Amino acid sequence: MFGIVDVAVVTFSTLLLFFWRLLDKRSPPIFGIYQRENGLYWLKVLFMYTALSVRKITNKAKKKNVETLESCQKLSEDGKAIDAVYFNGANGDGDHLVVGMARRKNLLVDGFILLKINSSGLGVLATPKMPSTSLYKEEDNEQHAAEGIRITPIDNMKKYSLKYEGKLKTYGASKEDTLYDVKIDAIWTSDLPYFSFDTDMDPYRLASDMAFEPWSKSYFDTLEKMHQTHYEQFGSLTAKVTINEKEFDIKLDTIRDHTFGVFREWRMFKRYGCHWFTTADGDHFNVSKICCPVAFSRLTAGYMYSKKYQKLYPVTECDLELYQHGSFGNPPEDYAFTVKAGGETYTVQVRAKDTPKFFISKDWEAQIFENLCNFTVNGTKGWGAAEWQYRNIQGKEILK
């Protein structure tokens, strides 16, 4: 009798293994990078959706307090440790201000400024070291400050100070070209909720993207190792800008974000496209597509803030695919996509006006295109930026 049972078990196990391998057969990734669905896709979606939904509930319960999140973080012992803040603002007059400050080890700061005041007629101004963004602090402290740029929290999640005093150059100009004496004195304020990418992303969207990937213990170990805390908040930035003693007053709809983690290795990112924009109706959007092949080859992320309902909604669908746009090193400058959030579908048209680019960190591991754009959302005018990243394998040799 036991022999019959053994035969039945072996037969069932063999058939189960056969069908599992049949279903798990994978089509070649698009361009060798972007994974496709296989026979187990929907089973994986169901499993991961359940797990992420439970995780979302438990993470909400133990959400970090605001003071902990907003603090300038102590860098880990890892050589790639990071604590970064970022501001990206624009308005309907065509003005833009983008400031990034990422604290790294050994006094290094990945930092830059891009400034465009349309009425000045000067075009895009940039920090003098561009296309390099390697700035250095004078002393080792837990502040987002280096080489004239200083970002300081005043009231957590409500008010920040952003200051700069130094030189800026016309973007693309050589060192021999005229530098402008620039002073920026800005205050960012907000009464809007913030969006945490740890707790607020749509679990079904995330499960669907994770299900594309081949799963293994090492895959989930990598996800855990790469985790970074990241949150964003839209607000208003009011600035007095002085350029060669001429004053300009600007007010910008501005996204602020804060990212920190044990490490960030730019070499792991193949590319991404992140869109931050505001409409004339007062709605705010982040629509992002990310390709980091060791974790997600096709990650959709983002949210929209509805002024009408005064609520944040995670992005649930987006038909923008990275492999269809700018796959060979030059991002699109005139394109469109649809995105769904809060049960509503939005058709987004994007047209880049200026396309400054630079390289991140001391080895120039990544190339960033910070496209300053006009947007149209369901026929309504909008403004903002589209940031496109590409892995820079050549490093500094790219300019030779």
Protein backbone atom coordinates (compact mmCIF):
# COMPACT_ATOMS: atom_id res chain seq x y z
CA MET A 1 0.00 0.00 0.00
CA PHE A 2 2.77 2.40 0.95
CA GLY A 3 4.44 1.65 -2.34
CA ILE A 4 1.31 2.76 -4.17
CA VAL A 5 1.22 5.96 -2.06
CA ASP A 6 4.90 6.58 -2.79
CA VAL A 7 4.31 6.17 -6.51
CA ALA A 8 1.32 8.53 -6.33
CA VAL A 9 3.33 11.14 -4.41
CA VAL A 10 6.25 10.93 -6.82
CA THR A 11 3.93 11.10 -9.83
CA PHE A 12 2.03 14.10 -8.42
CA SER A 13 5.26 15.86 -7.46
CA THR A 14 6.73 15.24 -10.89
CA LEU A 15 3.63 16.59 -12.62
CA LEU A 16 3.53 19.59 -10.28
CA LEU A 17 7.19 20.35 -10.96
CA PHE A 18 6.64 19.90 -14.70
CA PHE A 19 3.73 22.33 -14.81
CA TRP A 20 5.53 24.78 -12.50
CA ARG A 21 8.54 24.88 -14.81
CA LEU A 22 6.25 25.11 -17.83
CA LEU A 23 4.45 28.10 -16.34
CA ASP A 24 7.70 29.65 -15.10
CA LYS A 25 9.23 29.66 -18.57
CA ARG A 26 10.27 33.21 -19.33
CA SER A 27 10.26 35.13 -22.59
CA PRO A 28 13.46 37.11 -23.24
CA PRO A 29 13.38 40.54 -21.54
CA ILE A 30 12.72 43.53 -23.81
CA PHE A 31 16.12 44.89 -24.90
CA GLY A 32 17.57 42.28 -22.55
CA ILE A 33 16.52 44.42 -19.57
CA TYR A 34 12.76 44.89 -19.10
CA GLN A 35 11.15 41.69 -17.79
CA ARG A 36 7.88 40.33 -19.23
CA GLU A 37 4.96 38.38 -17.80
CA ASN A 38 5.24 34.61 -17.59
CA GLY A 39 2.73 31.88 -16.74
CA LEU A 40 3.12 32.48 -13.00
CA TYR A 41 2.64 36.23 -13.28
CA TRP A 42 -0.91 36.50 -11.91
CA LEU A 43 -0.24 33.97 -9.16
CA LYS A 44 2.75 36.08 -8.09
CA VAL A 45 0.64 39.25 -8.27
CA LEU A 46 -2.00 37.69 -5.99
CA PHE A 47 0.58 36.48 -3.48
CA MET A 48 2.51 39.75 -3.40
CA TYR A 49 -0.63 41.90 -3.29
CA THR A 50 -1.76 40.02 -0.18
CA ALA A 51 1.66 40.38 1.46
CA LEU A 52 1.99 44.08 0.60
CA SER A 53 -1.55 44.87 1.78
CA VAL A 54 -0.77 43.37 5.19
CA ARG A 55 2.57 45.20 5.22
CA LYS A 56 0.85 48.49 4.37
CA ILE A 57 -1.46 48.15 7.37
CA THR A 58 1.34 47.25 9.80
CA ASN A 59 3.68 49.96 8.44
CA LYS A 60 0.97 52.60 8.84
CA ALA A 61 0.70 51.61 12.48
CA LYS A 62 4.43 52.07 13.07
CA LYS A 63 4.95 55.06 10.75
CA LYS A 64 7.99 57.10 11.74
CA ASN A 65 7.25 60.34 13.53
CA VAL A 66 7.75 63.59 11.65
CA GLU A 67 10.67 64.77 13.77
CA THR A 68 12.61 61.58 13.05
CA LEU A 69 11.90 61.81 9.31
CA GLU A 70 12.79 65.48 9.01
CA SER A 71 16.04 65.26 10.95
CA CYS A 72 19.34 65.45 9.11
CA GLN A 73 20.30 61.77 9.29
CA LYS A 74 23.52 60.33 10.68
CA LEU A 75 25.33 58.64 7.78
CA SER A 76 25.84 54.89 8.05
CA GLU A 77 29.29 53.32 8.01
CA ASP A 78 28.82 52.21 4.41
CA GLY A 79 30.96 54.10 1.90
CA LYS A 80 27.85 54.81 -0.20
CA ALA A 81 25.72 56.16 2.68
CA ILE A 82 23.27 58.91 1.71
CA ASP A 83 21.07 61.62 3.19
CA ALA A 84 19.58 63.80 0.45
CA VAL A 85 17.16 66.69 0.10
CA TYR A 86 15.81 68.05 -3.17
CA PHE A 87 13.66 70.98 -4.30
CA ASN A 88 12.17 71.32 -7.78
CA GLY A 89 9.97 74.34 -8.45
CA ALA A 90 8.29 76.00 -11.43
CA ASN A 91 5.50 78.44 -12.26
CA GLY A 92 3.30 79.44 -15.18
CA ASP A 93 5.63 82.33 -16.07
CA GLY A 94 8.39 79.92 -17.07
CA ASP A 95 10.55 80.33 -13.95
CA HIS A 96 12.36 77.32 -12.48
CA LEU A 97 14.58 76.52 -9.50
CA VAL A 98 16.06 73.07 -8.91
CA VAL A 99 18.35 72.40 -5.95
CA GLY A 100 19.78 69.06 -4.87
CA MET A 101 21.96 68.32 -1.84
CA ALA A 102 22.94 64.71 -1.09
CA ARG A 103 25.30 64.21 1.83
CA ARG A 104 27.80 61.40 1.26
CA LYS A 105 30.88 60.16 3.12
CA ASN A 106 34.20 62.03 3.41
CA LEU A 107 32.65 65.54 3.24
CA LEU A 108 31.29 64.92 -0.28
CA VAL A 109 27.95 66.43 -1.26
CA ASP A 110 26.26 65.65 -4.57
CA GLY A 111 24.97 69.19 -4.98
CA PHE A 112 23.79 71.59 -7.67
CA ILE A 113 21.55 74.52 -8.55
CA LEU A 114 19.67 75.18 -11.78
CA LEU A 115 17.93 78.57 -11.98
CA LYS A 116 15.85 80.10 -14.74
CA ILE A 117 14.09 83.44 -14.32
CA ASN A 118 12.30 84.01 -17.60
CA SER A 119 12.14 87.79 -17.32
CA SER A 120 15.92 88.04 -16.81
CA GLY A 121 16.64 86.85 -20.35
CA LEU A 122 19.69 84.96 -19.06
CA GLY A 123 18.44 81.45 -19.78
CA VAL A 124 19.36 78.63 -17.40
CA LEU A 125 22.02 79.40 -14.80
CA ALA A 126 23.96 76.60 -13.11
CA THR A 127 26.54 76.03 -10.40
CA PRO A 128 30.08 76.72 -11.68
CA LYS A 129 31.27 73.09 -11.45
CA MET A 130 28.60 71.78 -13.84
CA PRO A 131 28.51 69.21 -15.42
CA SER A 132 30.13 67.94 -12.19
CA THR A 133 28.03 68.00 -9.02
CA SER A 134 30.78 67.09 -6.55
CA LEU A 135 30.74 69.71 -3.82
CA TYR A 136 32.62 69.47 -0.52
CA LYS A 137 31.77 70.54 3.00
CA GLU A 138 34.34 72.41 5.07
CA GLU A 139 33.59 70.34 8.16
CA ASP A 140 31.90 67.05 8.97
CA ASN A 141 28.46 67.95 10.34
CA GLU A 142 24.86 66.86 9.94
CA GLN A 143 23.76 69.78 7.77
CA HIS A 144 22.70 70.05 4.15
CA ALA A 145 25.19 72.76 3.30
CA ALA A 146 28.21 73.09 1.02
CA GLU A 147 29.92 75.70 -1.17
CA GLY A 148 27.38 78.47 -0.59
CA ILE A 149 24.21 76.33 -0.62
CA ARG A 150 22.35 75.87 2.66
CA ILE A 151 19.01 74.13 3.25
CA THR A 152 17.58 74.38 6.76
CA PRO A 153 14.33 73.05 8.27
CA ILE A 154 12.44 75.69 10.27
CA ASP A 155 9.18 73.90 11.08
CA ASN A 156 8.94 70.19 10.25
CA MET A 157 6.80 69.49 7.16
CA LYS A 158 5.75 73.15 7.11
CA LYS A 159 8.64 75.51 6.50
CA TYR A 160 12.19 75.38 5.10
CA SER A 161 14.87 77.96 4.38
CA LEU A 162 16.89 77.69 1.17
CA LYS A 163 19.83 80.04 0.69
CA TYR A 164 22.66 80.46 -1.78
CA GLU A 165 25.36 83.08 -2.15
CA GLY A 166 28.05 82.67 -4.78
CA LYS A 167 28.59 82.38 -8.51
CA LEU A 168 26.34 80.86 -11.15
CA LYS A 169 27.17 80.49 -14.84
CA THR A 170 25.07 80.25 -17.96
CA TYR A 171 24.37 76.55 -18.41
CA GLY A 172 26.82 75.02 -20.88
CA ALA A 173 29.31 77.89 -20.59
CA SER A 174 33.01 77.17 -20.14
CA LYS A 175 35.02 78.35 -17.13
CA GLU A 176 36.28 81.34 -19.12
CA ASP A 177 32.78 82.73 -19.64
CA THR A 178 31.27 85.39 -17.41
CA LEU A 179 30.06 84.27 -14.01
CA TYR A 180 27.14 85.99 -12.32
CA ASP A 181 27.06 87.04 -8.69
CA VAL A 182 23.91 85.41 -7.36
CA LYS A 183 22.11 85.48 -4.05
CA ILE A 184 19.02 83.37 -3.39
CA ASP A 185 16.97 83.86 -0.23
CA ALA A 186 13.97 81.53 -0.31
CA ILE A 187 11.33 80.17 2.03
CA TRP A 188 9.40 77.00 1.22
CA THR A 189 6.06 76.49 3.00
CA SER A 190 3.35 73.83 2.87
CA ASP A 191 0.13 72.79 4.55
CA LEU A 192 -0.28 69.72 2.30
CA PRO A 193 0.18 66.07 3.35
CA TYR A 194 3.39 64.27 2.46
CA PHE A 195 3.59 61.05 0.46
CA SER A 196 5.71 58.23 1.89
CA PHE A 197 7.00 55.69 -0.62
CA ASP A 198 7.31 53.25 2.31
CA THR A 199 3.64 53.29 3.29
CA ASP A 200 1.51 55.09 0.70
CA MET A 201 2.18 53.37 -2.63
CA ASP A 202 -0.64 51.35 -4.17
CA PRO A 203 -0.05 47.69 -3.16
CA TYR A 204 -1.61 46.26 -6.33
CA ARG A 205 0.56 48.47 -8.55
CA LEU A 206 3.69 47.46 -6.64
CA ALA A 207 2.73 43.77 -6.64
CA SER A 208 2.16 43.88 -10.40
CA ASP A 209 5.63 45.36 -10.99
CA MET A 210 7.37 42.94 -8.62
CA ALA A 211 5.68 39.98 -10.36
CA PHE A 212 7.60 40.74 -13.57
CA GLU A 213 10.89 39.82 -11.88
CA PRO A 214 12.43 36.36 -11.37
CA TRP A 215 12.04 35.61 -7.66
CA SER A 216 14.65 34.00 -5.46
CA LYS A 217 16.03 34.40 -1.95
CA SER A 218 18.84 36.57 -3.29
CA TYR A 219 16.28 38.79 -5.06
CA PHE A 220 14.42 39.54 -1.83
CA ASP A 221 17.71 39.94 0.06
CA THR A 222 18.70 42.58 -2.51
CA LEU A 223 15.38 44.41 -2.06
CA GLU A 224 15.91 44.56 1.68
CA LYS A 225 19.52 45.70 1.32
CA MET A 226 18.64 48.48 -1.14
CA HIS A 227 15.80 49.94 0.92
CA GLN A 228 15.83 53.71 1.34
CA THR A 229 13.33 55.93 3.12
CA HIS A 230 11.87 58.43 0.65
CA TYR A 231 9.03 60.91 1.01
CA GLU A 232 7.82 63.94 -0.93
CA GLN A 233 5.68 66.98 -0.29
CA PHE A 234 4.43 69.74 -2.55
CA GLY A 235 4.43 73.33 -1.34
CA SER A 236 5.11 76.91 -2.36
CA LEU A 237 8.55 78.51 -2.56
CA THR A 238 8.89 82.29 -2.39
CA ALA A 239 12.32 83.65 -3.28
CA LYS A 240 14.15 86.92 -3.62
CA VAL A 241 16.91 86.39 -6.19
CA THR A 242 19.67 88.90 -6.86
CA ILE A 243 21.72 88.53 -10.06
CA ASN A 244 24.54 91.05 -10.47
CA GLU A 245 22.68 93.40 -8.10
CA LYS A 246 19.40 93.14 -10.02
CA GLU A 247 16.54 91.78 -7.89
CA PHE A 248 13.81 89.37 -8.92
CA ASP A 249 10.89 88.08 -6.84
CA ILE A 250 9.55 84.66 -7.81
CA LYS A 251 6.97 82.25 -6.43
CA LEU A 252 7.11 78.59 -7.47
CA ASP A 253 5.02 75.46 -6.96
CA THR A 254 7.74 73.25 -5.51
CA ILE A 255 8.20 69.61 -4.69
CA ARG A 256 10.46 68.87 -1.72
CA ASP A 257 11.79 65.40 -1.03
CA HIS A 258 14.02 63.70 1.52
CA THR A 259 15.82 60.40 0.96
CA PHE A 260 18.11 58.50 3.30
CA GLY A 261 19.41 54.97 3.61
CA VAL A 262 22.32 52.70 4.43
CA PHE A 263 23.65 53.14 0.90
CA ARG A 264 22.85 54.29 -2.62
CA GLU A 265 24.79 52.83 -5.51
CA TRP A 266 24.03 54.76 -8.70
CA ARG A 267 25.64 51.99 -10.75
CA MET A 268 22.62 49.79 -9.95
CA PHE A 269 20.21 52.13 -11.75
CA LYS A 270 19.85 51.58 -15.49
CA ARG A 271 17.59 54.60 -15.98
CA TYR A 272 14.51 56.40 -14.75
CA GLY A 273 12.08 59.12 -15.78
CA CYS A 274 10.46 61.20 -13.00
CA HIS A 275 7.86 63.89 -13.68
CA TRP A 276 6.87 66.53 -11.12
CA PHE A 277 4.26 69.02 -12.25
CA THR A 278 1.43 71.29 -11.16
CA THR A 279 -1.66 72.33 -13.10
CA ALA A 280 -3.39 75.70 -13.24
CA ASP A 281 -6.24 74.02 -11.32
CA GLY A 282 -3.89 73.45 -8.38
CA ASP A 283 -3.42 69.69 -8.73
CA HIS A 284 0.09 68.28 -8.15
CA PHE A 285 1.62 65.15 -9.68
CA ASN A 286 4.59 62.83 -9.43
CA VAL A 287 4.65 60.23 -12.22
CA SER A 288 7.79 58.08 -12.26
CA LYS A 289 9.12 55.05 -14.10
CA ILE A 290 12.24 53.37 -12.72
CA CYS A 291 14.52 50.66 -14.08
CA CYS A 292 16.91 49.21 -11.51
CA PRO A 293 17.38 45.69 -12.95
CA VAL A 294 18.58 44.02 -9.74
CA ALA A 295 15.29 45.01 -8.06
CA PHE A 296 12.69 46.39 -10.50
CA SER A 297 13.09 46.55 -14.24
CA ARG A 298 9.66 48.20 -14.67
CA LEU A 299 8.62 50.05 -11.52
CA THR A 300 5.74 52.54 -11.66
CA ALA A 301 5.64 55.01 -8.78
CA GLY A 302 4.03 58.32 -7.90
CA TYR A 303 0.90 60.08 -6.71
CA MET A 304 -1.35 63.05 -7.35
CA TYR A 305 -2.74 65.64 -4.97
CA SER A 306 -6.29 66.68 -5.82
CA LYS A 307 -7.00 70.26 -4.86
CA LYS A 308 -10.74 69.60 -5.25
CA TYR A 309 -10.76 66.75 -2.73
CA GLN A 310 -7.68 67.92 -0.78
CA LYS A 311 -6.32 64.40 -0.78
CA LEU A 312 -3.31 62.40 -2.00
CA TYR A 313 -3.89 59.43 -4.29
CA PRO A 314 -1.22 56.89 -5.33
CA VAL A 315 -0.67 56.24 -9.02
CA THR A 316 -2.37 52.97 -9.96
CA GLU A 317 -1.70 52.82 -13.72
CA CYS A 318 0.59 54.51 -16.24
CA ASP A 319 1.19 53.57 -19.87
CA LEU A 320 4.58 55.29 -20.15
CA GLU A 321 7.19 52.57 -20.82
CA LEU A 322 10.89 53.36 -20.57
CA TYR A 323 11.78 51.03 -23.42
CA GLN A 324 9.57 53.13 -25.73
CA HIS A 325 11.14 56.48 -24.81
CA GLY A 326 14.78 57.50 -25.02
CA SER A 327 16.31 54.05 -24.70
CA PHE A 328 19.57 55.05 -26.37
CA GLY A 329 20.74 57.89 -24.16
CA ASN A 330 18.63 60.88 -25.17
CA PRO A 331 15.32 61.37 -23.33
CA PRO A 332 12.17 62.43 -25.19
CA GLU A 333 11.36 66.13 -25.36
CA ASP A 334 7.84 66.04 -26.83
CA TYR A 335 5.65 63.11 -25.75
CA ALA A 336 2.50 62.07 -23.90
CA PHE A 337 1.19 59.36 -21.59
CA THR A 338 -1.85 58.51 -19.49
CA VAL A 339 -1.83 58.02 -15.75
CA LYS A 340 -4.54 56.89 -13.35
CA ALA A 341 -4.90 57.96 -9.72
CA GLY A 342 -7.90 58.27 -7.43
CA GLY A 343 -10.07 56.51 -9.99
CA GLU A 344 -9.48 59.27 -12.57
CA THR A 345 -7.47 59.00 -15.79
CA TYR A 346 -5.27 61.91 -16.84
CA THR A 347 -3.76 62.45 -20.28
CA VAL A 348 -0.43 64.21 -19.83
CA GLN A 349 1.41 66.01 -22.63
CA VAL A 350 5.03 67.01 -22.00
CA ARG A 351 7.16 69.47 -23.93
CA ALA A 352 10.70 70.29 -22.79
CA LYS A 353 11.87 73.92 -23.08
CA ASP A 354 15.38 73.54 -21.68
CA THR A 355 17.37 70.33 -21.25
CA PRO A 356 20.36 70.88 -18.94
CA LYS A 357 22.31 67.76 -18.03
CA PHE A 358 24.96 66.87 -15.46
CA PHE A 359 26.66 63.95 -13.76
CA ILE A 360 26.08 62.66 -10.26
CA SER A 361 28.79 62.01 -7.67
CA LYS A 362 32.57 62.02 -7.82
CA ASP A 363 32.91 59.19 -10.35
CA TRP A 364 30.06 60.51 -12.54
CA GLU A 365 28.21 57.23 -12.11
CA ALA A 366 24.96 58.60 -13.54
CA GLN A 367 23.96 61.20 -16.10
CA ILE A 368 20.91 63.34 -15.31
CA PHE A 369 18.81 65.33 -17.77
CA GLU A 370 16.81 67.92 -15.81
CA ASN A 371 14.26 68.85 -18.47
CA LEU A 372 12.34 72.04 -17.67
CA CYS A 373 8.91 71.51 -19.19
CA ASN A 374 5.47 72.74 -20.07
CA PHE A 375 2.70 70.25 -19.30
CA THR A 376 -0.89 69.90 -20.44
CA VAL A 377 -3.13 67.69 -18.29
CA ASN A 378 -6.58 66.86 -19.69
CA GLY A 379 -6.38 70.15 -21.60
CA THR A 380 -5.29 72.23 -18.58
CA LYS A 381 -1.98 74.10 -18.58
CA GLY A 382 0.75 72.89 -16.25
CA TRP A 383 4.43 73.43 -15.40
CA GLY A 384 7.25 71.47 -13.84
CA ALA A 385 10.17 69.23 -14.75
CA ALA A 386 11.00 65.78 -16.06
CA GLU A 387 14.18 64.27 -14.66
CA TRP A 388 15.70 61.47 -16.76
CA GLN A 389 18.60 59.40 -15.44
CA TYR A 390 20.94 57.12 -17.39
CA ARG A 391 23.70 54.87 -16.11
CA ASN A 392 27.03 56.42 -17.19
CA ILE A 393 29.38 53.49 -17.75
CA GLN A 394 32.16 55.70 -19.18
CA GLY A 395 32.49 57.88 -16.09
CA LYS A 396 34.51 61.05 -16.67
CA GLU A 397 35.89 59.58 -19.89
CA ILE A 398 32.58 60.53 -21.52
CA LEU A 399 33.86 64.08 -22.16
CA LYS A 400 37.08 62.97 -23.87
